[in-house]
C-alpha atoms as a PDB file:
ATOM      1  CA  MET A   1     -10.171   0.103  13.834  1.00  0.00           C
ATOM      2  CA  ASN A   2      -9.666   0.716  10.129  1.00  0.00           C
ATOM      3  CA  ARG A   3      -5.957   1.546  10.165  1.00  0.00           C
ATOM      4  CA  ILE A   4      -4.369   1.656   6.734  1.00  0.00           C
ATOM      5  CA  LEU A   5      -0.641   2.006   6.137  1.00  0.00           C
ATOM      6  CA  ILE A   6       0.309   4.151   3.149  1.00  0.00           C
ATOM      7  CA  ALA A   7       3.894   3.390   2.073  1.00  0.00           C
ATOM      8  CA  GLU A   8       4.589   6.298  -0.285  1.00  0.00           C
ATOM      9  CA  ASP A   9       7.659   8.534  -0.573  1.00  0.00           C
ATOM     10  CA  GLU A  10       6.017  11.304  -2.644  1.00  0.00           C
ATOM     11  CA  ALA A  11       4.818  13.595   0.164  1.00  0.00           C
ATOM     12  CA  ARG A  12       2.058  15.293  -1.859  1.00  0.00           C
ATOM     13  CA  LEU A  13       0.592  12.008  -3.052  1.00  0.00           C
ATOM     14  CA  ALA A  14       0.826  10.464   0.426  1.00  0.00           C
ATOM     15  CA  ALA A  15      -0.969  13.500   1.897  1.00  0.00           C
ATOM     16  CA  PHE A  16      -3.651  13.329  -0.830  1.00  0.00           C
ATOM     17  CA  ILE A  17      -4.359   9.644  -0.148  1.00  0.00           C
ATOM     18  CA  GLU A  18      -4.183  10.153   3.621  1.00  0.00           C
ATOM     19  CA  LYS A  19      -6.652  13.051   3.545  1.00  0.00           C
ATOM     20  CA  GLY A  20      -9.078  11.176   1.294  1.00  0.00           C
ATOM     21  CA  LEU A  21      -8.999   8.036   3.418  1.00  0.00           C
ATOM     22  CA  ARG A  22      -9.458  10.030   6.631  1.00  0.00           C
ATOM     23  CA  LYS A  23     -12.492  11.832   5.140  1.00  0.00           C
ATOM     24  CA  SER A  24     -13.869   8.393   4.173  1.00  0.00           C
ATOM     25  CA  GLY A  25     -13.720   7.088   7.750  1.00  0.00           C
ATOM     26  CA  PHE A  26     -10.341   5.344   7.794  1.00  0.00           C
ATOM     27  CA  ASN A  27      -7.359   5.903  10.073  1.00  0.00           C
ATOM     28  CA  PRO A  28      -4.384   6.219   7.687  1.00  0.00           C
ATOM     29  CA  VAL A  29      -0.719   6.200   8.704  1.00  0.00           C
ATOM     30  CA  VAL A  30       2.118   7.142   6.307  1.00  0.00           C
ATOM     31  CA  ALA A  31       5.527   5.480   5.984  1.00  0.00           C
ATOM     32  CA  SER A  32       7.902   7.324   3.662  1.00  0.00           C
ATOM     33  CA  ASP A  33      10.319   4.446   2.967  1.00  0.00           C
ATOM     34  CA  GLY A  34      10.246   0.672   2.761  1.00  0.00           C
ATOM     35  CA  GLN A  35      12.185   0.048   5.937  1.00  0.00           C
ATOM     36  CA  GLU A  36       9.721   2.141   7.942  1.00  0.00           C
ATOM     37  CA  ALA A  37       6.808   0.306   6.279  1.00  0.00           C
ATOM     38  CA  VAL A  38       8.129  -3.119   7.309  1.00  0.00           C
ATOM     39  CA  GLN A  39       8.765  -1.862  10.861  1.00  0.00           C
ATOM     40  CA  LYS A  40       5.250  -0.471  11.195  1.00  0.00           C
ATOM     41  CA  VAL A  41       3.564  -3.599   9.801  1.00  0.00           C
ATOM     42  CA  THR A  42       5.492  -5.872  12.162  1.00  0.00           C
ATOM     43  CA  GLN A  43       5.000  -3.658  15.242  1.00  0.00           C
ATOM     44  CA  GLU A  44       1.484  -2.288  14.767  1.00  0.00           C
ATOM     45  CA  GLU A  45      -1.860  -3.574  13.545  1.00  0.00           C
ATOM     46  CA  PHE A  46      -3.200  -2.534  10.150  1.00  0.00           C
ATOM     47  CA  LYS A  47      -6.110  -3.741   8.024  1.00  0.00           C
ATOM     48  CA  LEU A  48      -4.445  -2.894   4.695  1.00  0.00           C
ATOM     49  CA  LEU A  49      -1.165  -1.735   3.145  1.00  0.00           C
ATOM     50  CA  LEU A  50      -1.044   0.610   0.144  1.00  0.00           C
ATOM     51  CA  LEU A  51       2.465  -0.006  -1.180  1.00  0.00           C
ATOM     52  CA  ASP A  52       4.457   2.024  -3.700  1.00  0.00           C
ATOM     53  CA  LEU A  53       7.109  -0.026  -5.505  1.00  0.00           C
ATOM     54  CA  GLY A  54       9.596   2.867  -5.894  1.00  0.00           C
ATOM     55  CA  LEU A  55      10.323   3.459  -2.218  1.00  0.00           C
ATOM     56  CA  PRO A  56      13.748   4.550  -0.911  1.00  0.00           C
ATOM     57  CA  ILE A  57      15.951   2.462   1.447  1.00  0.00           C
ATOM     58  CA  LYS A  58      13.963  -0.726   0.779  1.00  0.00           C
ATOM     59  CA  ASP A  59      11.864  -0.736  -2.388  1.00  0.00           C
ATOM     60  CA  GLY A  60       8.298  -2.001  -2.535  1.00  0.00           C
ATOM     61  CA  TRP A  61       9.342  -5.274  -4.162  1.00  0.00           C
ATOM     62  CA  ALA A  62      11.583  -6.052  -1.161  1.00  0.00           C
ATOM     63  CA  VAL A  63       8.855  -4.985   1.280  1.00  0.00           C
ATOM     64  CA  LEU A  64       6.309  -7.242  -0.419  1.00  0.00           C
ATOM     65  CA  GLN A  65       8.662 -10.233  -0.459  1.00  0.00           C
ATOM     66  CA  GLU A  66       9.815  -9.697   3.127  1.00  0.00           C
ATOM     67  CA  LEU A  67       6.302  -9.399   4.536  1.00  0.00           C
ATOM     68  CA  ARG A  68       5.025 -12.445   2.644  1.00  0.00           C
ATOM     69  CA  SER A  69       8.089 -14.533   3.583  1.00  0.00           C
ATOM     70  CA  GLN A  70       7.387 -13.685   7.249  1.00  0.00           C
ATOM     71  CA  GLY A  71       3.871 -15.080   6.807  1.00  0.00           C
ATOM     72  CA  GLU A  72       2.209 -11.661   6.944  1.00  0.00           C
ATOM     73  CA  ASP A  73      -1.259 -12.048   5.395  1.00  0.00           C
ATOM     74  CA  LEU A  74      -2.193  -8.358   5.527  1.00  0.00           C
ATOM     75  CA  PRO A  75      -3.926  -7.357   2.254  1.00  0.00           C
ATOM     76  CA  ILE A  76      -1.515  -5.362   0.083  1.00  0.00           C
ATOM     77  CA  ILE A  77      -2.546  -3.098  -2.775  1.00  0.00           C
ATOM     78  CA  ILE A  78       0.345  -1.979  -4.952  1.00  0.00           C
ATOM     79  CA  VAL A  79       0.045   1.707  -5.950  1.00  0.00           C
ATOM     80  CA  THR A  80       2.719   2.434  -8.547  1.00  0.00           C
ATOM     81  CA  ALA A  81       3.713   4.340 -11.668  1.00  0.00           C
ATOM     82  CA  LEU A  82       4.907   1.058 -13.222  1.00  0.00           C
ATOM     83  CA  THR A  83       2.267   0.377 -15.862  1.00  0.00           C
ATOM     84  CA  ASP A  84       3.871  -2.598 -17.586  1.00  0.00           C
ATOM     85  CA  GLU A  85       1.678  -5.702 -17.386  1.00  0.00           C
ATOM     86  CA  SER A  86       4.671  -7.890 -16.435  1.00  0.00           C
ATOM     87  CA  ASN A  87       5.161  -5.819 -13.254  1.00  0.00           C
ATOM     88  CA  ARG A  88       1.497  -6.320 -12.317  1.00  0.00           C
ATOM     89  CA  ILE A  89       1.734 -10.069 -12.866  1.00  0.00           C
ATOM     90  CA  THR A  90       4.996 -10.295 -10.898  1.00  0.00           C
ATOM     91  CA  ALA A  91       3.532  -8.317  -7.985  1.00  0.00           C
ATOM     92  CA  LEU A  92       0.431 -10.509  -7.854  1.00  0.00           C
ATOM     93  CA  ASN A  93       2.575 -13.659  -8.056  1.00  0.00           C
ATOM     94  CA  LEU A  94       4.676 -12.369  -5.127  1.00  0.00           C
ATOM     95  CA  GLY A  95       1.549 -12.051  -3.005  1.00  0.00           C
ATOM     96  CA  ALA A  96       0.045  -8.625  -3.684  1.00  0.00           C
ATOM     97  CA  ASN A  97      -3.747  -8.627  -3.559  1.00  0.00           C
ATOM     98  CA  ASP A  98      -4.315  -5.869  -6.100  1.00  0.00           C
ATOM     99  CA  TYR A  99      -2.452  -3.430  -8.361  1.00  0.00           C
ATOM    100  CA  VAL A 100      -3.327   0.219  -9.081  1.00  0.00           C
ATOM    101  CA  THR A 101      -1.328   2.369 -11.497  1.00  0.00           C
ATOM    102  CA  LYS A 102      -0.633   6.073 -11.103  1.00  0.00           C
ATOM    103  CA  PRO A 103      -2.232   8.367 -11.969  1.00  0.00           C
ATOM    104  CA  PHE A 104      -5.537   7.090 -10.607  1.00  0.00           C
ATOM    105  CA  LYS A 105      -8.897   8.502  -9.606  1.00  0.00           C
ATOM    106  CA  PHE A 106      -9.215   8.553  -5.820  1.00  0.00           C
ATOM    107  CA  SER A 107     -12.729   7.100  -6.120  1.00  0.00           C
ATOM    108  CA  ASP A 108     -11.289   4.023  -7.883  1.00  0.00           C
ATOM    109  CA  LEU A 109      -8.649   3.546  -5.190  1.00  0.00           C
ATOM    110  CA  LEU A 110     -11.254   4.033  -2.453  1.00  0.00           C
ATOM    111  CA  GLU A 111     -13.462   1.353  -4.007  1.00  0.00           C
ATOM    112  CA  LYS A 112     -10.571  -1.126  -3.888  1.00  0.00           C
ATOM    113  CA  VAL A 113      -9.685  -0.110  -0.308  1.00  0.00           C
ATOM    114  CA  LYS A 114     -13.287  -0.679   0.808  1.00  0.00           C
ATOM    115  CA  SER A 115     -13.326  -4.132  -0.798  1.00  0.00           C
ATOM    116  CA  TYR A 116     -10.442  -5.200   1.487  1.00  0.00           C
ATOM    117  CA  CYS A 117     -11.260  -3.040   4.479  1.00  0.00           C
ATOM    118  CA  PRO A 118     -15.021  -2.411   4.836  1.00  0.00           C
ATOM    119  CA  ILE A 119     -15.946   0.542   7.021  1.00  0.00           C
END
């Protein structure tokens, strides 16, 4: 079971990532806000979380901190438009496993996904 949660509020981008992951043999699920992402992670089983930092209701920073404070050790790859190096360092210090900036090549994202969630 290679279930991956995509926490992304931009519907077109979420659909693009979802379609690409599905074609690559994964079982992606989309959460369109941070509150939904936390709910899904705590109630269902996933191998990986792709987390946007600019989510509505509960932003990605809050999601990351909440999951790590609950002891959740699920690998988390931040996928964000925030390109500033200080944001990357902060995210990694808060417990993110990796950091990808938008725009990105799907092949680069897929390579990172496979490193945390081999097919």
